[in-house]
């Protein structure tokens, strides 16, 4: 009986140990399940964040605009090629500003598009980059590049060209040549307008005086001069009224079209049907070939020259009177 009791106690002890082990196993399993659930939750959150970042990046890529072409390699040619390279570099950096957060990145990227003699010249900046020295893109690299490869005499040549430029052909041709040089001078608008006016032919300048128009831009005076040129040279391809929206002429000023005896549309139609010249009303030729045009042109030039001579005489007389008055005042003061 005692043996049976002892065996029973040992059996119960084993059962108790098994129960404890089972409880520990269940607890460990529950903990593992909780850990798995937590890991799944974290993974889901991370995936959601990654998707959000990917969507944002995709949206940013869609909104950043057209793709800019990469600049060409620059090998050291001075002048126009150097200016074109700087423009290409600048445009790419501006369009992709997020790729160039600091001066070091800008200089490194610019150096990668140099070749030949230009790359040898840029070794001075490469060495500083290797030594972790600070380089300002605008103040150091760009300034040195412009000094080395830009045409520093362009401004001087442009100024000299404008000072010598005179209208010898049409106003359109003169305006084109003027604009080519004006871009490089850096002059103020008022100075450009003054030089443009001085270079025009005398008859166009006289028409500008008659119209008494005010100009705020170079385009204002050039557009009006082009219209005047059309008016004074036949007018068949004339582009609009001289008192249009481009300028603000005095309402009491003389209309230049009156100098040419402007025909109405109905009169032109009638004369075209009859084969008559718009200028002299004779048959057998067009108004641009009219013999009267040459004769009147010479007369008009003579009248303009005479008027300018009178203006110079009046100005000289006014200056002389002013000097005599000053001398008289000085004499009175001495007495």
C-alpha atoms as a PDB file:
ATOM      1  CA  UNK A   1       0.000   0.000   0.000  1.00  0.00           C
ATOM      2  CA  UNK A   2       2.826   2.324   0.811  1.00  0.00           C
ATOM      3  CA  UNK A   3       4.430   1.607  -2.557  1.00  0.00           C
ATOM      4  CA  UNK A   4       1.235   2.416  -4.376  1.00  0.00           C
ATOM      5  CA  UNK A   5       0.953   5.682  -2.480  1.00  0.00           C
ATOM      6  CA  UNK A   6       4.515   6.552  -3.374  1.00  0.00           C
ATOM      7  CA  UNK A   7       3.977   5.787  -7.054  1.00  0.00           C
ATOM      8  CA  UNK A   8       0.840   7.882  -7.050  1.00  0.00           C
ATOM      9  CA  UNK A   9       2.687  10.848  -5.576  1.00  0.00           C
ATOM     10  CA  UNK A  10       5.444  10.532  -8.141  1.00  0.00           C
ATOM     11  CA  UNK A  11       2.867  10.338 -10.911  1.00  0.00           C
ATOM     12  CA  UNK A  12       1.125  13.453  -9.623  1.00  0.00           C
ATOM     13  CA  UNK A  13       4.475  15.196  -9.481  1.00  0.00           C
ATOM     14  CA  UNK A  14       5.128  14.320 -13.112  1.00  0.00           C
ATOM     15  CA  UNK A  15       1.659  15.512 -14.066  1.00  0.00           C
ATOM     16  CA  UNK A  16       2.278  18.799 -12.251  1.00  0.00           C
ATOM     17  CA  UNK A  17       5.579  19.294 -14.066  1.00  0.00           C
ATOM     18  CA  UNK A  18       3.939  18.519 -17.393  1.00  0.00           C
ATOM     19  CA  UNK A  19       1.213  21.019 -16.615  1.00  0.00           C
ATOM     20  CA  UNK A  20       3.798  23.675 -15.792  1.00  0.00           C
ATOM     21  CA  UNK A  21       5.647  22.959 -19.033  1.00  0.00           C
ATOM     22  CA  UNK A  22       2.378  23.094 -20.957  1.00  0.00           C
ATOM     23  CA  UNK A  23       1.524  26.457 -19.411  1.00  0.00           C
ATOM     24  CA  UNK A  24       4.968  27.806 -20.290  1.00  0.00           C
ATOM     25  CA  UNK A  25       4.574  26.520 -23.825  1.00  0.00           C
ATOM     26  CA  UNK A  26       1.175  28.148 -24.175  1.00  0.00           C
ATOM     27  CA  UNK A  27       2.563  31.408 -22.774  1.00  0.00           C
ATOM     28  CA  UNK A  28       5.493  31.288 -25.195  1.00  0.00           C
ATOM     29  CA  UNK A  29       3.142  30.566 -28.072  1.00  0.00           C
ATOM     30  CA  UNK A  30       0.924  33.483 -27.097  1.00  0.00           C
ATOM     31  CA  UNK A  31       3.967  35.746 -26.881  1.00  0.00           C
ATOM     32  CA  UNK A  32       5.123  34.573 -30.292  1.00  0.00           C
ATOM     33  CA  UNK A  33       1.694  35.292 -31.736  1.00  0.00           C
ATOM     34  CA  UNK A  34       1.714  38.769 -30.222  1.00  0.00           C
ATOM     35  CA  UNK A  35       5.194  39.405 -31.626  1.00  0.00           C
ATOM     36  CA  UNK A  36       4.108  38.165 -35.042  1.00  0.00           C
ATOM     37  CA  UNK A  37       1.043  40.387 -34.976  1.00  0.00           C
ATOM     38  CA  UNK A  38       3.171  43.382 -33.930  1.00  0.00           C
ATOM     39  CA  UNK A  39       5.705  42.665 -36.668  1.00  0.00           C
ATOM     40  CA  UNK A  40       2.922  42.386 -39.215  1.00  0.00           C
ATOM     41  CA  UNK A  41       1.501  45.716 -38.063  1.00  0.00           C
ATOM     42  CA  UNK A  42       4.890  47.438 -38.269  1.00  0.00           C
ATOM     43  CA  UNK A  43       5.548  45.924 -41.699  1.00  0.00           C
ATOM     44  CA  UNK A  44       2.172  47.124 -42.926  1.00  0.00           C
ATOM     45  CA  UNK A  45       2.879  50.631 -41.633  1.00  0.00           C
ATOM     46  CA  UNK A  46       6.327  50.669 -43.255  1.00  0.00           C
ATOM     47  CA  UNK A  47       4.862  49.456 -46.530  1.00  0.00           C
ATOM     48  CA  UNK A  48       2.238  52.177 -46.411  1.00  0.00           C
ATOM     49  CA  UNK A  49       4.929  54.802 -45.766  1.00  0.00           C
ATOM     50  CA  UNK A  50       7.065  53.439 -48.602  1.00  0.00           C
ATOM     51  CA  UNK A  51       4.090  53.572 -50.952  1.00  0.00           C
ATOM     52  CA  UNK A  52       3.378  57.152 -49.904  1.00  0.00           C
ATOM     53  CA  UNK A  53       7.003  58.161 -50.541  1.00  0.00           C
ATOM     54  CA  UNK A  54       6.954  56.423 -53.922  1.00  0.00           C
ATOM     55  CA  UNK A  55       3.731  58.179 -54.881  1.00  0.00           C
ATOM     56  CA  UNK A  56       5.130  61.537 -53.777  1.00  0.00           C
ATOM     57  CA  UNK A  57       8.315  60.952 -55.765  1.00  0.00           C
ATOM     58  CA  UNK A  58       6.283  59.953 -58.801  1.00  0.00           C
ATOM     59  CA  UNK A  59       4.124  63.052 -58.479  1.00  0.00           C
ATOM     60  CA  UNK A  60       7.214  65.248 -58.105  1.00  0.00           C
ATOM     61  CA  UNK A  61       8.767  63.658 -61.177  1.00  0.00           C
ATOM     62  CA  UNK A  62       5.565  64.331 -63.099  1.00  0.00           C
ATOM     63  CA  UNK A  63       5.412  67.990 -62.011  1.00  0.00           C
ATOM     64  CA  UNK A  64       9.067  68.963 -62.476  1.00  0.00           C
ATOM     65  CA  UNK A  65       8.534  69.954 -66.103  1.00  0.00           C
ATOM     66  CA  UNK A  66      10.319  69.152 -69.353  1.00  0.00           C
ATOM     67  CA  UNK A  67      13.575  67.241 -69.312  1.00  0.00           C
ATOM     68  CA  UNK A  68      16.591  69.446 -69.987  1.00  0.00           C
ATOM     69  CA  UNK A  69      19.290  68.301 -72.366  1.00  0.00           C
ATOM     70  CA  UNK A  70      22.793  67.859 -70.984  1.00  0.00           C
ATOM     71  CA  UNK A  71      25.357  70.534 -71.916  1.00  0.00           C
ATOM     72  CA  UNK A  72      28.075  69.900 -74.462  1.00  0.00           C
ATOM     73  CA  UNK A  73      31.698  69.455 -73.433  1.00  0.00           C
ATOM     74  CA  UNK A  74      33.690  72.705 -73.495  1.00  0.00           C
ATOM     75  CA  UNK A  75      37.304  72.442 -74.658  1.00  0.00           C
ATOM     76  CA  UNK A  76      38.498  76.038 -74.333  1.00  0.00           C
ATOM     77  CA  UNK A  77      37.262  78.089 -77.331  1.00  0.00           C
ATOM     78  CA  UNK A  78      36.922  81.740 -76.357  1.00  0.00           C
ATOM     79  CA  UNK A  79      33.926  83.911 -77.129  1.00  0.00           C
ATOM     80  CA  UNK A  80      30.551  82.638 -78.323  1.00  0.00           C
ATOM     81  CA  UNK A  81      31.158  78.940 -77.528  1.00  0.00           C
ATOM     82  CA  UNK A  82      32.134  79.776 -73.952  1.00  0.00           C
ATOM     83  CA  UNK A  83      29.013  81.901 -73.488  1.00  0.00           C
ATOM     84  CA  UNK A  84      26.834  79.139 -74.935  1.00  0.00           C
ATOM     85  CA  UNK A  85      28.380  76.581 -72.535  1.00  0.00           C
ATOM     86  CA  UNK A  86      27.727  78.812 -69.511  1.00  0.00           C
ATOM     87  CA  UNK A  87      24.103  79.247 -70.628  1.00  0.00           C
ATOM     88  CA  UNK A  88      23.647  75.476 -71.006  1.00  0.00           C
ATOM     89  CA  UNK A  89      25.177  74.797 -67.579  1.00  0.00           C
ATOM     90  CA  UNK A  90      23.035  77.493 -65.960  1.00  0.00           C
ATOM     91  CA  UNK A  91      19.803  76.307 -67.577  1.00  0.00           C
ATOM     92  CA  UNK A  92      20.367  72.714 -66.476  1.00  0.00           C
ATOM     93  CA  UNK A  93      21.141  73.739 -62.887  1.00  0.00           C
ATOM     94  CA  UNK A  94      18.092  75.984 -62.761  1.00  0.00           C
ATOM     95  CA  UNK A  95      15.785  73.258 -64.089  1.00  0.00           C
ATOM     96  CA  UNK A  96      17.216  70.674 -61.656  1.00  0.00           C
ATOM     97  CA  UNK A  97      17.903  72.835 -58.607  1.00  0.00           C
ATOM     98  CA  UNK A  98      17.286  69.908 -56.219  1.00  0.00           C
ATOM     99  CA  UNK A  99      20.355  68.153 -57.642  1.00  0.00           C
ATOM    100  CA  UNK A 100      22.672  71.087 -56.859  1.00  0.00           C
ATOM    101  CA  UNK A 101      22.184  71.987 -53.188  1.00  0.00           C
ATOM    102  CA  UNK A 102      25.596  73.620 -52.634  1.00  0.00           C
ATOM    103  CA  UNK A 103      28.590  75.271 -54.309  1.00  0.00           C
ATOM    104  CA  UNK A 104      30.714  72.115 -54.197  1.00  0.00           C
ATOM    105  CA  UNK A 105      28.161  70.111 -56.188  1.00  0.00           C
ATOM    106  CA  UNK A 106      27.842  72.859 -58.802  1.00  0.00           C
ATOM    107  CA  UNK A 107      31.597  73.147 -59.318  1.00  0.00           C
ATOM    108  CA  UNK A 108      32.093  69.354 -59.447  1.00  0.00           C
ATOM    109  CA  UNK A 109      29.357  68.933 -62.041  1.00  0.00           C
ATOM    110  CA  UNK A 110      30.644  71.838 -64.154  1.00  0.00           C
ATOM    111  CA  UNK A 111      34.178  70.414 -64.151  1.00  0.00           C
ATOM    112  CA  UNK A 112      32.819  67.110 -65.472  1.00  0.00           C
ATOM    113  CA  UNK A 113      31.757  68.923 -68.682  1.00  0.00           C
ATOM    114  CA  UNK A 114      35.171  70.440 -69.406  1.00  0.00           C
ATOM    115  CA  UNK A 115      37.671  68.922 -71.800  1.00  0.00           C
ATOM    116  CA  UNK A 116      41.089  69.626 -73.314  1.00  0.00           C
ATOM    117  CA  UNK A 117      42.678  72.959 -72.445  1.00  0.00           C
ATOM    118  CA  UNK A 118      39.661  74.016 -70.400  1.00  0.00           C
ATOM    119  CA  UNK A 119      40.021  70.943 -68.177  1.00  0.00           C
ATOM    120  CA  UNK A 120      43.718  71.698 -67.673  1.00  0.00           C
ATOM    121  CA  UNK A 121      42.811  75.263 -66.720  1.00  0.00           C
ATOM    122  CA  UNK A 122      40.247  73.934 -64.207  1.00  0.00           C
ATOM    123  CA  UNK A 123      42.824  71.776 -62.359  1.00  0.00           C
ATOM    124  CA  UNK A 124      43.251  74.642 -59.901  1.00  0.00           C
ATOM    125  CA  UNK A 125      39.664  74.138 -58.747  1.00  0.00           C
ATOM    126  CA  UNK A 126      39.875  70.335 -58.807  1.00  0.00           C
ATOM    127  CA  UNK A 127      42.835  70.441 -56.391  1.00  0.00           C
ATOM    128  CA  UNK A 128      40.896  72.658 -53.991  1.00  0.00           C
ATOM    129  CA  UNK A 129      37.957  70.250 -54.107  1.00  0.00           C
ATOM    130  CA  UNK A 130      40.255  67.293 -53.342  1.00  0.00           C
ATOM    131  CA  UNK A 131      41.616  69.200 -50.338  1.00  0.00           C
ATOM    132  CA  UNK A 132      38.069  69.976 -49.131  1.00  0.00           C
ATOM    133  CA  UNK A 133      38.609  73.730 -49.569  1.00  0.00           C
ATOM    134  CA  UNK A 134      35.542  75.938 -50.015  1.00  0.00           C
ATOM    135  CA  UNK A 135      34.892  77.217 -53.559  1.00  0.00           C
ATOM    136  CA  UNK A 136      32.131  79.678 -54.387  1.00  0.00           C
ATOM    137  CA  UNK A 137      30.523  78.758 -57.696  1.00  0.00           C
ATOM    138  CA  UNK A 138      29.632  82.351 -58.631  1.00  0.00           C
ATOM    139  CA  UNK A 139      32.420  84.227 -56.848  1.00  0.00           C
ATOM    140  CA  UNK A 140      35.333  81.917 -57.692  1.00  0.00           C
ATOM    141  CA  UNK A 141      34.684  79.443 -60.510  1.00  0.00           C
ATOM    142  CA  UNK A 142      32.228  81.382 -62.714  1.00  0.00           C
ATOM    143  CA  UNK A 143      34.086  84.670 -62.270  1.00  0.00           C
ATOM    144  CA  UNK A 144      37.413  83.090 -63.255  1.00  0.00           C
ATOM    145  CA  UNK A 145      35.819  81.263 -66.211  1.00  0.00           C
ATOM    146  CA  UNK A 146      34.259  84.455 -67.589  1.00  0.00           C
ATOM    147  CA  UNK A 147      37.526  86.351 -67.219  1.00  0.00           C
ATOM    148  CA  UNK A 148      39.408  83.557 -69.003  1.00  0.00           C
ATOM    149  CA  UNK A 149      37.084  82.602 -71.864  1.00  0.00           C
ATOM    150  CA  UNK A 150      34.541  85.379 -72.468  1.00  0.00           C
ATOM    151  CA  UNK A 151      35.128  88.088 -75.081  1.00  0.00           C
ATOM    152  CA  UNK A 152      35.853  90.992 -72.742  1.00  0.00           C
ATOM    153  CA  UNK A 153      36.163  93.443 -75.666  1.00  0.00           C
ATOM    154  CA  UNK A 154      32.646  92.744 -76.970  1.00  0.00           C
ATOM    155  CA  UNK A 155      31.103  95.601 -74.991  1.00  0.00           C
ATOM    156  CA  UNK A 156      33.714  98.086 -76.216  1.00  0.00           C
ATOM    157  CA  UNK A 157      33.284  96.994 -79.838  1.00  0.00           C
ATOM    158  CA  UNK A 158      29.491  97.156 -79.554  1.00  0.00           C
ATOM    159  CA  UNK A 159      29.632 100.702 -78.171  1.00  0.00           C
ATOM    160  CA  UNK A 160      31.966 101.814 -80.964  1.00  0.00           C
ATOM    161  CA  UNK A 161      29.739 100.175 -83.591  1.00  0.00           C
ATOM    162  CA  UNK A 162      26.604 101.938 -82.313  1.00  0.00           C
ATOM    163  CA  UNK A 163      28.338 105.299 -82.234  1.00  0.00           C
ATOM    164  CA  UNK A 164      29.332 104.902 -85.905  1.00  0.00           C
ATOM    165  CA  UNK A 165      26.140 103.212 -87.136  1.00  0.00           C
ATOM    166  CA  UNK A 166      24.021 105.241 -89.589  1.00  0.00           C
ATOM    167  CA  UNK A 167      20.960 104.306 -91.628  1.00  0.00           C
ATOM    168  CA  UNK A 168      22.047 103.794 -95.242  1.00  0.00           C
ATOM    169  CA  UNK A 169      19.301 101.412 -96.406  1.00  0.00           C
ATOM    170  CA  UNK A 170      15.861 100.742 -94.956  1.00  0.00           C
ATOM    171  CA  UNK A 171      14.846 101.385 -91.356  1.00  0.00           C
ATOM    172  CA  UNK A 172      14.332  97.631 -90.970  1.00  0.00           C
ATOM    173  CA  UNK A 173      17.958  96.942 -91.901  1.00  0.00           C
ATOM    174  CA  UNK A 174      19.205  99.743 -89.633  1.00  0.00           C
ATOM    175  CA  UNK A 175      17.060  98.502 -86.724  1.00  0.00           C
ATOM    176  CA  UNK A 176      18.369  94.950 -87.081  1.00  0.00           C
ATOM    177  CA  UNK A 177      22.004  96.103 -87.005  1.00  0.00           C
ATOM    178  CA  UNK A 178      21.305  98.425 -84.080  1.00  0.00           C
ATOM    179  CA  UNK A 179      19.673  95.687 -81.985  1.00  0.00           C
ATOM    180  CA  UNK A 180      22.563  93.285 -82.621  1.00  0.00           C
ATOM    181  CA  UNK A 181      25.008  95.731 -81.019  1.00  0.00           C
ATOM    182  CA  UNK A 182      22.643  97.239 -78.415  1.00  0.00           C
ATOM    183  CA  UNK A 183      22.304  93.878 -76.662  1.00  0.00           C
ATOM    184  CA  UNK A 184      26.004  93.916 -75.731  1.00  0.00           C
ATOM    185  CA  UNK A 185      26.448  97.547 -74.619  1.00  0.00           C
ATOM    186  CA  UNK A 186      24.565  97.490 -71.328  1.00  0.00           C
ATOM    187  CA  UNK A 187      23.400 101.069 -71.968  1.00  0.00           C
ATOM    188  CA  UNK A 188      20.258 102.493 -70.398  1.00  0.00           C
ATOM    189  CA  UNK A 189      17.123 102.681 -72.529  1.00  0.00           C
ATOM    190  CA  UNK A 190      17.211 106.477 -72.802  1.00  0.00           C
ATOM    191  CA  UNK A 191      20.771 106.349 -74.159  1.00  0.00           C
ATOM    192  CA  UNK A 192      19.859 103.671 -76.700  1.00  0.00           C
ATOM    193  CA  UNK A 193      16.824 105.673 -77.874  1.00  0.00           C
ATOM    194  CA  UNK A 194      18.973 108.789 -78.316  1.00  0.00           C
ATOM    195  CA  UNK A 195      21.618 106.945 -80.370  1.00  0.00           C
ATOM    196  CA  UNK A 196      18.951 105.190 -82.448  1.00  0.00           C
ATOM    197  CA  UNK A 197      17.321 108.513 -83.334  1.00  0.00           C
ATOM    198  CA  UNK A 198      20.641 110.118 -84.272  1.00  0.00           C
ATOM    199  CA  UNK A 199      21.486 107.313 -86.700  1.00  0.00           C
ATOM    200  CA  UNK A 200      18.246 107.562 -88.705  1.00  0.00           C
ATOM    201  CA  UNK A 201      18.033 109.300 -92.075  1.00  0.00           C
ATOM    202  CA  UNK A 202      17.118 112.972 -91.911  1.00  0.00           C
ATOM    203  CA  UNK A 203      13.622 112.521 -93.373  1.00  0.00           C
ATOM    204  CA  UNK A 204      12.706 109.896 -90.758  1.00  0.00           C
ATOM    205  CA  UNK A 205      14.101 112.091 -87.969  1.00  0.00           C
ATOM    206  CA  UNK A 206      12.049 115.011 -89.263  1.00  0.00           C
ATOM    207  CA  UNK A 207       8.889 112.897 -89.235  1.00  0.00           C
ATOM    208  CA  UNK A 208       9.593 111.915 -85.614  1.00  0.00           C
ATOM    209  CA  UNK A 209       9.931 115.608 -84.757  1.00  0.00           C
ATOM    210  CA  UNK A 210       6.618 116.392 -86.490  1.00  0.00           C
ATOM    211  CA  UNK A 211       4.818 113.620 -84.591  1.00  0.00           C
ATOM    212  CA  UNK A 212       6.283 114.738 -81.245  1.00  0.00           C
ATOM    213  CA  UNK A 213       5.895 111.213 -79.834  1.00  0.00           C
ATOM    214  CA  UNK A 214       7.281 110.109 -76.464  1.00  0.00           C
ATOM    215  CA  UNK A 215       9.238 106.854 -76.278  1.00  0.00           C
ATOM    216  CA  UNK A 216       9.830 104.684 -73.220  1.00  0.00           C
ATOM    217  CA  UNK A 217      11.413 101.682 -74.950  1.00  0.00           C
ATOM    218  CA  UNK A 218      13.657 101.081 -77.936  1.00  0.00           C
ATOM    219  CA  UNK A 219      10.827  99.075 -79.518  1.00  0.00           C
ATOM    220  CA  UNK A 220       8.569 102.162 -79.403  1.00  0.00           C
ATOM    221  CA  UNK A 221      10.828 104.349 -81.510  1.00  0.00           C
ATOM    222  CA  UNK A 222      11.885 101.540 -83.865  1.00  0.00           C
ATOM    223  CA  UNK A 223       8.265 100.505 -84.562  1.00  0.00           C
ATOM    224  CA  UNK A 224       7.227 104.076 -85.331  1.00  0.00           C
ATOM    225  CA  UNK A 225      10.318 104.610 -87.494  1.00  0.00           C
ATOM    226  CA  UNK A 226       9.473 101.481 -89.495  1.00  0.00           C
ATOM    227  CA  UNK A 227       5.964 102.808 -90.134  1.00  0.00           C
ATOM    228  CA  UNK A 228       7.324 106.207 -91.139  1.00  0.00           C
ATOM    229  CA  UNK A 229       9.720 104.515 -93.553  1.00  0.00           C
ATOM    230  CA  UNK A 230       6.784 102.679 -95.149  1.00  0.00           C
ATOM    231  CA  UNK A 231       4.822 105.926 -95.422  1.00  0.00           C
ATOM    232  CA  UNK A 232       7.684 107.858 -96.999  1.00  0.00           C
ATOM    233  CA  UNK A 233       8.586 105.140 -99.501  1.00  0.00           C
ATOM    234  CA  UNK A 234       5.341 104.281-101.275  1.00  0.00           C
ATOM    235  CA  UNK A 235       3.108 102.885 -98.548  1.00  0.00           C
ATOM    236  CA  UNK A 236       1.667  99.964-100.571  1.00  0.00           C
ATOM    237  CA  UNK A 237       2.807  97.541 -97.869  1.00  0.00           C
ATOM    238  CA  UNK A 238       2.143  99.932 -95.035  1.00  0.00           C
ATOM    239  CA  UNK A 239       1.519  98.176 -91.719  1.00  0.00           C
ATOM    240  CA  UNK A 240      -0.740 100.540 -89.833  1.00  0.00           C
ATOM    241  CA  UNK A 241      -1.528 104.085 -88.777  1.00  0.00           C
ATOM    242  CA  UNK A 242       1.287 106.231 -87.455  1.00  0.00           C
ATOM    243  CA  UNK A 243      -0.954 107.206 -84.559  1.00  0.00           C
ATOM    244  CA  UNK A 244      -1.615 103.619 -83.419  1.00  0.00           C
ATOM    245  CA  UNK A 245      -1.221 102.125 -79.954  1.00  0.00           C
ATOM    246  CA  UNK A 246       2.578 101.755 -80.089  1.00  0.00           C
ATOM    247  CA  UNK A 247       3.202 105.400 -79.131  1.00  0.00           C
ATOM    248  CA  UNK A 248       1.400 108.424 -77.675  1.00  0.00           C
ATOM    249  CA  UNK A 249       1.785 111.247 -80.235  1.00  0.00           C
ATOM    250  CA  UNK A 250       0.470 114.762 -79.732  1.00  0.00           C
ATOM    251  CA  UNK A 251      -3.149 114.889 -81.052  1.00  0.00           C
ATOM    252  CA  UNK A 252      -2.404 118.284 -82.602  1.00  0.00           C
ATOM    253  CA  UNK A 253       0.679 117.004 -84.456  1.00  0.00           C
ATOM    254  CA  UNK A 254       0.762 116.753 -88.245  1.00  0.00           C
ATOM    255  CA  UNK A 255      -0.022 113.297 -89.709  1.00  0.00           C
ATOM    256  CA  UNK A 256       2.914 112.174 -91.873  1.00  0.00           C
ATOM    257  CA  UNK A 257       0.511 110.416 -94.241  1.00  0.00           C
ATOM    258  CA  UNK A 258      -0.579 113.881 -95.368  1.00  0.00           C
ATOM    259  CA  UNK A 259       2.909 114.410 -96.799  1.00  0.00           C
ATOM    260  CA  UNK A 260       2.169 111.706 -99.340  1.00  0.00           C
ATOM    261  CA  UNK A 261      -1.441 112.609-100.220  1.00  0.00           C
ATOM    262  CA  UNK A 262      -2.878 109.371 -98.801  1.00  0.00           C
ATOM    263  CA  UNK A 263      -5.572 107.813-101.012  1.00  0.00           C
ATOM    264  CA  UNK A 264      -8.710 106.250 -99.594  1.00  0.00           C
ATOM    265  CA  UNK A 265      -9.390 102.550-100.167  1.00  0.00           C
ATOM    266  CA  UNK A 266     -12.191 103.334-102.610  1.00  0.00           C
ATOM    267  CA  UNK A 267      -9.921 105.637-104.641  1.00  0.00           C
ATOM    268  CA  UNK A 268      -7.220 102.961-104.773  1.00  0.00           C
ATOM    269  CA  UNK A 269      -9.746 100.376-105.968  1.00  0.00           C
ATOM    270  CA  UNK A 270     -11.020 102.699-108.707  1.00  0.00           C
ATOM    271  CA  UNK A 271      -7.506 103.554-109.903  1.00  0.00           C
ATOM    272  CA  UNK A 272      -6.415  99.894-109.878  1.00  0.00           C
ATOM    273  CA  UNK A 273      -9.368  98.954-112.091  1.00  0.00           C
ATOM    274  CA  UNK A 274      -8.496 101.788-114.462  1.00  0.00           C
ATOM    275  CA  UNK A 275      -4.795 100.859-114.497  1.00  0.00           C
ATOM    276  CA  UNK A 276      -3.752 104.237-113.068  1.00  0.00           C
ATOM    277  CA  UNK A 277      -0.661 105.007-111.001  1.00  0.00           C
ATOM    278  CA  UNK A 278      -1.453 105.843-107.362  1.00  0.00           C
ATOM    279  CA  UNK A 279       1.112 108.662-107.413  1.00  0.00           C
ATOM    280  CA  UNK A 280       0.632 110.574-110.703  1.00  0.00           C
ATOM    281  CA  UNK A 281      -2.675 109.056-111.993  1.00  0.00           C
ATOM    282  CA  UNK A 282      -1.035 108.143-115.326  1.00  0.00           C
ATOM    283  CA  UNK A 283      -1.231 104.748-117.058  1.00  0.00           C
ATOM    284  CA  UNK A 284       1.618 102.428-117.913  1.00  0.00           C
ATOM    285  CA  UNK A 285       3.460 101.974-114.616  1.00  0.00           C
ATOM    286  CA  UNK A 286       3.021 101.253-110.886  1.00  0.00           C
ATOM    287  CA  UNK A 287       3.474 103.844-108.163  1.00  0.00           C
ATOM    288  CA  UNK A 288       6.774 102.307-107.010  1.00  0.00           C
ATOM    289  CA  UNK A 289       8.167 102.925-110.522  1.00  0.00           C
ATOM    290  CA  UNK A 290       6.585 106.361-110.939  1.00  0.00           C
ATOM    291  CA  UNK A 291       8.885 109.050-112.422  1.00  0.00           C
ATOM    292  CA  UNK A 292       7.269 111.575-110.082  1.00  0.00           C
ATOM    293  CA  UNK A 293       8.480 109.583-107.080  1.00  0.00           C
ATOM    294  CA  UNK A 294      12.126 110.254-107.862  1.00  0.00           C
ATOM    295  CA  UNK A 295      11.515 113.929-108.547  1.00  0.00           C
ATOM    296  CA  UNK A 296       9.429 114.444-105.417  1.00  0.00           C
ATOM    297  CA  UNK A 297      11.924 112.500-103.360  1.00  0.00           C
ATOM    298  CA  UNK A 298      14.672 114.891-104.406  1.00  0.00           C
ATOM    299  CA  UNK A 299      12.427 117.864-103.681  1.00  0.00           C
ATOM    300  CA  UNK A 300      11.564 116.451-100.247  1.00  0.00           C
ATOM    301  CA  UNK A 301      15.237 115.905 -99.411  1.00  0.00           C
ATOM    302  CA  UNK A 302      15.990 119.470-100.471  1.00  0.00           C
ATOM    303  CA  UNK A 303      13.158 120.781 -98.275  1.00  0.00           C
ATOM    304  CA  UNK A 304      14.409 118.755 -95.335  1.00  0.00           C
ATOM    305  CA  UNK A 305      17.962 120.024 -95.816  1.00  0.00           C
ATOM    306  CA  UNK A 306      16.657 123.604 -96.024  1.00  0.00           C
ATOM    307  CA  UNK A 307      14.593 123.146 -92.849  1.00  0.00           C
ATOM    308  CA  UNK A 308      17.546 121.675 -90.973  1.00  0.00           C
ATOM    309  CA  UNK A 309      19.725 124.575 -92.118  1.00  0.00           C
ATOM    310  CA  UNK A 310      17.124 127.029 -90.779  1.00  0.00           C
ATOM    311  CA  UNK A 311      17.033 125.163 -87.460  1.00  0.00           C
ATOM    312  CA  UNK A 312      20.826 125.322 -87.205  1.00  0.00           C
ATOM    313  CA  UNK A 313      20.722 129.037 -88.019  1.00  0.00           C
ATOM    314  CA  UNK A 314      18.101 129.715 -85.355  1.00  0.00           C
ATOM    315  CA  UNK A 315      20.077 127.693 -82.838  1.00  0.00           C
ATOM    316  CA  UNK A 316      23.299 129.538 -83.697  1.00  0.00           C
ATOM    317  CA  UNK A 317      21.522 132.881 -83.371  1.00  0.00           C
ATOM    318  CA  UNK A 318      20.041 131.879 -80.031  1.00  0.00           C
ATOM    319  CA  UNK A 319      23.449 130.761 -78.761  1.00  0.00           C
ATOM    320  CA  UNK A 320      25.041 134.000 -79.965  1.00  0.00           C
ATOM    321  CA  UNK A 321      22.407 136.115 -78.225  1.00  0.00           C
ATOM    322  CA  UNK A 322      22.929 134.121 -75.057  1.00  0.00           C
ATOM    323  CA  UNK A 323      26.697 134.694 -75.161  1.00  0.00           C
ATOM    324  CA  UNK A 324      26.261 138.436 -75.819  1.00  0.00           C
ATOM    325  CA  UNK A 325      23.854 138.633 -72.895  1.00  0.00           C
ATOM    326  CA  UNK A 326      26.345 136.909 -70.627  1.00  0.00           C
ATOM    327  CA  UNK A 327      29.117 139.245 -71.768  1.00  0.00           C
ATOM    328  CA  UNK A 328      26.869 142.247 -71.119  1.00  0.00           C
ATOM    329  CA  UNK A 329      26.093 140.995 -67.620  1.00  0.00           C
ATOM    330  CA  UNK A 330      29.777 140.433 -66.961  1.00  0.00           C
ATOM    331  CA  UNK A 331      30.553 143.960 -68.187  1.00  0.00           C
ATOM    332  CA  UNK A 332      27.903 145.472 -65.916  1.00  0.00           C
ATOM    333  CA  UNK A 333      29.287 143.511 -63.001  1.00  0.00           C
ATOM    334  CA  UNK A 334      32.811 144.795 -63.676  1.00  0.00           C
ATOM    335  CA  UNK A 335      31.600 148.414 -63.817  1.00  0.00           C
END
